[in-house]
N, C-alpha and C. Protein backbone atom coordinates (compact mmCIF):
# COMPACT_ATOMS: atom_id res chain seq x y z
N UNK A 1 139.43 149.82 300.24
CA UNK A 1 139.96 150.72 301.25
C UNK A 1 141.31 151.28 300.78
N UNK A 2 141.61 152.46 301.22
CA UNK A 2 142.88 153.12 300.93
C UNK A 2 143.57 153.38 302.26
N UNK A 3 144.87 153.09 302.31
CA UNK A 3 145.61 153.20 303.56
C UNK A 3 146.72 154.25 303.41
N UNK A 4 146.83 155.11 304.40
CA UNK A 4 147.95 156.04 304.51
C UNK A 4 148.94 155.48 305.50
N UNK A 5 150.23 155.59 305.19
CA UNK A 5 151.24 155.24 306.17
C UNK A 5 151.31 156.37 307.20
N UNK A 6 151.91 156.13 308.35
CA UNK A 6 152.05 157.21 309.33
C UNK A 6 152.76 158.44 308.77
N UNK A 7 153.78 158.25 307.92
CA UNK A 7 154.49 159.41 307.33
C UNK A 7 153.58 160.19 306.39
N UNK A 8 152.76 159.49 305.60
CA UNK A 8 151.85 160.17 304.68
C UNK A 8 150.79 160.94 305.47
N UNK A 9 150.25 160.31 306.50
CA UNK A 9 149.24 160.98 307.31
C UNK A 9 149.82 162.22 308.00
N UNK A 10 151.05 162.13 308.49
CA UNK A 10 151.69 163.29 309.12
C UNK A 10 151.86 164.43 308.11
N UNK A 11 152.21 164.11 306.87
CA UNK A 11 152.38 165.13 305.85
C UNK A 11 151.04 165.78 305.50
N UNK A 12 149.98 164.99 305.41
CA UNK A 12 148.65 165.54 305.14
C UNK A 12 148.24 166.48 306.26
N UNK A 13 148.45 166.07 307.50
CA UNK A 13 148.12 166.95 308.64
C UNK A 13 148.95 168.22 308.61
N UNK A 14 150.22 168.13 308.25
CA UNK A 14 151.08 169.32 308.16
C UNK A 14 150.58 170.27 307.07
N UNK A 15 150.16 169.72 305.94
CA UNK A 15 149.63 170.56 304.86
C UNK A 15 148.34 171.24 305.29
N UNK A 16 147.50 170.50 306.00
CA UNK A 16 146.24 171.08 306.47
C UNK A 16 146.51 172.20 307.47
N UNK A 17 147.42 171.98 308.40
CA UNK A 17 147.69 172.99 309.43
C UNK A 17 148.42 174.20 308.87
N UNK A 18 149.08 174.03 307.72
CA UNK A 18 149.77 175.16 307.08
C UNK A 18 148.78 176.07 306.34
N UNK A 19 147.50 175.72 306.41
CA UNK A 19 146.49 176.57 305.77
C UNK A 19 146.19 176.18 304.34
N UNK A 20 146.63 175.00 303.93
CA UNK A 20 146.39 174.56 302.55
C UNK A 20 145.05 173.86 302.38
N UNK A 21 144.21 173.85 303.41
CA UNK A 21 142.95 173.14 303.32
C UNK A 21 141.87 173.84 304.13
N UNK A 22 140.62 173.72 303.68
CA UNK A 22 139.53 174.22 304.52
C UNK A 22 139.47 173.39 305.80
N UNK A 23 139.05 173.99 306.86
CA UNK A 23 139.05 173.32 308.16
C UNK A 23 138.25 172.03 308.15
N UNK A 24 137.17 171.98 307.38
CA UNK A 24 136.33 170.78 307.34
C UNK A 24 136.66 169.89 306.16
N UNK A 25 137.63 170.26 305.36
CA UNK A 25 137.95 169.49 304.16
C UNK A 25 138.58 168.14 304.47
N UNK A 26 138.26 167.19 303.62
CA UNK A 26 138.83 165.86 303.72
C UNK A 26 139.86 165.70 302.60
N UNK A 27 140.71 164.71 302.73
CA UNK A 27 141.66 164.42 301.67
C UNK A 27 140.90 163.71 300.56
N UNK A 28 140.85 164.33 299.38
CA UNK A 28 140.21 163.71 298.22
C UNK A 28 141.29 163.09 297.35
N UNK A 29 141.13 161.81 297.05
CA UNK A 29 142.00 161.10 296.12
C UNK A 29 141.20 160.86 294.85
N UNK A 30 141.86 161.02 293.71
CA UNK A 30 141.15 160.85 292.45
C UNK A 30 142.07 160.33 291.37
N UNK A 31 141.43 159.82 290.34
CA UNK A 31 142.12 159.35 289.15
C UNK A 31 141.47 160.07 287.98
N UNK A 32 142.30 160.57 287.07
CA UNK A 32 141.78 161.25 285.88
C UNK A 32 142.61 160.87 284.68
N UNK A 33 142.04 161.05 283.50
CA UNK A 33 142.78 160.77 282.27
C UNK A 33 143.95 161.74 282.14
N UNK A 34 145.09 161.21 281.69
CA UNK A 34 146.26 162.06 281.49
C UNK A 34 147.51 161.34 281.94
N UNK A 35 148.59 162.07 281.99
CA UNK A 35 149.87 161.49 282.38
C UNK A 35 150.47 160.67 281.26
N UNK A 36 151.68 160.23 281.45
CA UNK A 36 152.38 159.51 280.39
C UNK A 36 151.95 158.06 280.25
N UNK A 37 151.18 157.53 281.22
CA UNK A 37 150.72 156.14 281.14
C UNK A 37 149.22 156.01 280.92
N UNK A 38 148.52 157.11 280.72
CA UNK A 38 147.09 157.05 280.42
C UNK A 38 146.18 157.58 281.50
N UNK A 39 146.52 157.33 282.77
CA UNK A 39 145.73 157.84 283.89
C UNK A 39 146.69 158.42 284.92
N UNK A 40 146.23 159.44 285.62
CA UNK A 40 147.10 160.05 286.63
C UNK A 40 146.35 160.24 287.94
N UNK A 41 147.13 160.26 289.02
CA UNK A 41 146.59 160.44 290.36
C UNK A 41 146.46 161.92 290.67
N UNK A 42 145.51 162.23 291.54
CA UNK A 42 145.36 163.58 292.02
C UNK A 42 144.96 163.56 293.49
N UNK A 43 145.30 164.63 294.19
CA UNK A 43 144.95 164.80 295.60
C UNK A 43 144.57 166.25 295.83
N UNK A 44 143.58 166.45 296.67
CA UNK A 44 143.20 167.80 297.07
C UNK A 44 142.44 167.71 298.38
N UNK A 45 142.12 168.83 298.95
CA UNK A 45 141.25 168.87 300.12
C UNK A 45 139.88 169.31 299.62
N UNK A 46 138.83 168.60 300.05
CA UNK A 46 137.50 168.85 299.50
C UNK A 46 136.45 168.37 300.51
N UNK A 47 135.23 168.78 300.27
CA UNK A 47 134.10 168.30 301.05
C UNK A 47 133.61 166.98 300.45
N UNK A 48 133.03 166.14 301.27
CA UNK A 48 132.47 164.88 300.79
C UNK A 48 131.22 165.14 299.96
N UNK A 49 131.05 164.33 298.93
CA UNK A 49 129.85 164.38 298.08
C UNK A 49 129.00 163.14 298.41
N UNK A 50 127.74 163.17 298.05
CA UNK A 50 126.81 162.11 298.46
C UNK A 50 127.19 160.72 297.97
N UNK A 51 127.85 160.61 296.81
CA UNK A 51 128.18 159.28 296.28
C UNK A 51 129.63 158.87 296.55
N UNK A 52 130.38 159.65 297.33
CA UNK A 52 131.77 159.32 297.64
C UNK A 52 131.89 158.11 298.56
N UNK A 53 132.96 157.36 298.38
CA UNK A 53 133.38 156.39 299.39
C UNK A 53 134.14 157.20 300.44
N UNK A 54 133.83 156.99 301.69
CA UNK A 54 134.46 157.75 302.79
C UNK A 54 135.03 156.78 303.80
N UNK A 55 136.25 157.04 304.24
CA UNK A 55 136.86 156.25 305.30
C UNK A 55 137.97 157.05 305.94
N UNK A 56 138.59 156.47 306.94
CA UNK A 56 139.65 157.13 307.69
C UNK A 56 140.86 156.22 307.76
N UNK A 57 142.04 156.81 307.66
CA UNK A 57 143.28 156.06 307.82
C UNK A 57 144.26 156.92 308.60
N UNK A 58 144.81 156.38 309.66
CA UNK A 58 145.78 157.10 310.50
C UNK A 58 145.21 158.44 310.97
N UNK A 59 143.89 158.50 311.21
CA UNK A 59 143.26 159.72 311.69
C UNK A 59 142.95 160.75 310.63
N UNK A 60 143.16 160.42 309.35
CA UNK A 60 142.88 161.34 308.24
C UNK A 60 141.62 160.88 307.52
N UNK A 61 140.64 161.77 307.38
CA UNK A 61 139.42 161.47 306.65
C UNK A 61 139.71 161.53 305.15
N UNK A 62 139.28 160.49 304.43
CA UNK A 62 139.55 160.36 303.00
C UNK A 62 138.22 160.19 302.27
N UNK A 63 138.08 160.85 301.11
CA UNK A 63 136.93 160.66 300.24
C UNK A 63 137.42 160.36 298.82
N UNK A 64 136.66 159.50 298.13
CA UNK A 64 137.01 159.09 296.77
C UNK A 64 135.72 158.93 295.99
N UNK A 65 135.65 159.50 294.78
CA UNK A 65 134.47 159.31 293.95
C UNK A 65 134.41 157.87 293.45
N UNK A 66 133.22 157.38 293.06
CA UNK A 66 133.08 155.96 292.69
C UNK A 66 133.99 155.52 291.53
N UNK A 67 134.14 156.32 290.50
CA UNK A 67 134.98 155.95 289.36
C UNK A 67 136.44 155.79 289.80
N UNK A 68 136.93 156.74 290.58
CA UNK A 68 138.31 156.67 291.06
C UNK A 68 138.52 155.51 292.02
N UNK A 69 137.51 155.25 292.87
CA UNK A 69 137.65 154.18 293.84
C UNK A 69 137.83 152.83 293.16
N UNK A 70 137.21 152.64 292.01
CA UNK A 70 137.37 151.38 291.27
C UNK A 70 138.83 151.14 290.91
N UNK A 71 139.59 152.21 290.69
CA UNK A 71 141.02 152.11 290.35
C UNK A 71 141.93 152.12 291.58
N UNK A 72 141.44 152.65 292.71
CA UNK A 72 142.30 152.89 293.87
C UNK A 72 142.09 151.93 295.04
N UNK A 73 141.06 151.12 295.00
CA UNK A 73 140.80 150.21 296.12
C UNK A 73 142.01 149.33 296.39
N UNK A 74 142.47 149.31 297.63
CA UNK A 74 143.63 148.52 298.01
C UNK A 74 144.95 149.27 297.96
N UNK A 75 144.91 150.54 297.62
CA UNK A 75 146.11 151.37 297.47
C UNK A 75 146.67 151.79 298.84
N UNK A 76 147.99 151.85 298.90
CA UNK A 76 148.69 152.39 300.07
C UNK A 76 149.44 153.64 299.63
N UNK A 77 149.36 154.69 300.42
CA UNK A 77 150.04 155.95 300.11
C UNK A 77 151.07 156.22 301.20
N UNK A 78 152.30 156.45 300.77
CA UNK A 78 153.41 156.75 301.66
C UNK A 78 153.93 158.14 301.32
N UNK A 79 154.79 158.67 302.15
CA UNK A 79 155.45 159.95 301.87
C UNK A 79 156.94 159.77 302.03
N UNK A 80 157.70 160.18 301.02
CA UNK A 80 159.16 160.06 301.04
C UNK A 80 159.75 161.46 301.04
N UNK A 81 160.57 161.75 302.02
CA UNK A 81 161.25 163.04 302.06
C UNK A 81 162.76 162.84 302.07
N UNK A 82 163.20 161.78 301.43
CA UNK A 82 164.61 161.43 301.41
C UNK A 82 165.39 162.15 300.32
N UNK A 83 166.60 161.69 300.08
CA UNK A 83 167.52 162.32 299.13
C UNK A 83 167.06 162.22 297.68
N UNK A 84 166.25 161.23 297.36
CA UNK A 84 165.85 161.02 295.97
C UNK A 84 164.61 161.80 295.59
N UNK A 85 164.18 162.69 296.40
CA UNK A 85 163.00 163.50 296.10
C UNK A 85 162.03 163.50 297.25
N UNK A 86 161.08 164.38 297.15
CA UNK A 86 160.10 164.53 298.21
C UNK A 86 158.72 164.43 297.58
N UNK A 87 157.87 163.61 298.15
CA UNK A 87 156.52 163.52 297.64
C UNK A 87 155.81 162.26 298.08
N UNK A 88 154.55 162.20 297.72
CA UNK A 88 153.73 161.05 298.03
C UNK A 88 154.05 159.93 297.05
N UNK A 89 154.11 158.71 297.56
CA UNK A 89 154.34 157.52 296.74
C UNK A 89 153.08 156.68 296.82
N UNK A 90 152.54 156.35 295.67
CA UNK A 90 151.29 155.60 295.60
C UNK A 90 151.59 154.17 295.16
N UNK A 91 151.23 153.23 296.01
CA UNK A 91 151.40 151.80 295.70
C UNK A 91 150.02 151.24 295.39
N UNK A 92 149.73 151.12 294.10
CA UNK A 92 148.41 150.73 293.64
C UNK A 92 148.45 149.31 293.08
N UNK A 93 147.82 148.36 293.75
CA UNK A 93 147.83 146.98 293.26
C UNK A 93 147.01 146.78 291.99
N UNK A 94 146.20 147.76 291.62
CA UNK A 94 145.36 147.66 290.42
C UNK A 94 146.07 148.15 289.16
N UNK A 95 147.21 148.81 289.30
CA UNK A 95 147.94 149.36 288.15
C UNK A 95 148.66 148.23 287.42
N UNK A 96 148.46 148.16 286.12
CA UNK A 96 149.16 147.16 285.32
C UNK A 96 150.58 147.62 285.01
N UNK A 97 150.77 148.92 284.86
CA UNK A 97 152.08 149.50 284.60
C UNK A 97 152.07 150.94 285.13
N UNK A 98 153.24 151.42 285.53
CA UNK A 98 153.36 152.80 285.99
C UNK A 98 154.50 153.48 285.23
N UNK A 99 154.47 154.79 285.21
CA UNK A 99 155.55 155.52 284.56
C UNK A 99 156.70 155.72 285.54
N UNK A 100 157.80 156.23 285.06
CA UNK A 100 158.97 156.46 285.89
C UNK A 100 158.74 157.46 287.02
N UNK A 101 157.88 158.44 286.79
CA UNK A 101 157.65 159.46 287.82
C UNK A 101 156.75 158.96 288.93
N UNK A 102 156.00 157.88 288.69
CA UNK A 102 155.12 157.33 289.70
C UNK A 102 153.81 158.06 289.86
N UNK A 103 153.53 159.02 288.98
CA UNK A 103 152.31 159.81 289.10
C UNK A 103 151.22 159.37 288.12
N UNK A 104 151.56 158.44 287.21
CA UNK A 104 150.54 157.95 286.29
C UNK A 104 150.66 156.44 286.12
N UNK A 105 149.58 155.84 285.62
CA UNK A 105 149.52 154.38 285.50
C UNK A 105 148.51 154.01 284.43
N UNK A 106 148.46 152.72 284.14
CA UNK A 106 147.38 152.19 283.32
C UNK A 106 146.95 150.85 283.85
């Protein structure tokens, strides 16, 4: 399972209402090769596919492909809009190491 904090869920809803997502789109979380640590996180709004893991957190529908879910199960996503930057923070218990930017891991 993947959990959004209330702040992350509010930011996703704000992005959706700003027109950044199709009305029926779900939050897609993914992992792909790249980044400074070997793998990087990605987010988009997308339709569910037949083999996706689907669940809801804080009222936000989330979909994850099977390969990405193997890396993301147990992850918590927060949103920080403080003085040190603005963006989603991913706390992944499956990551052995992360880079300084927090957007990639191995």
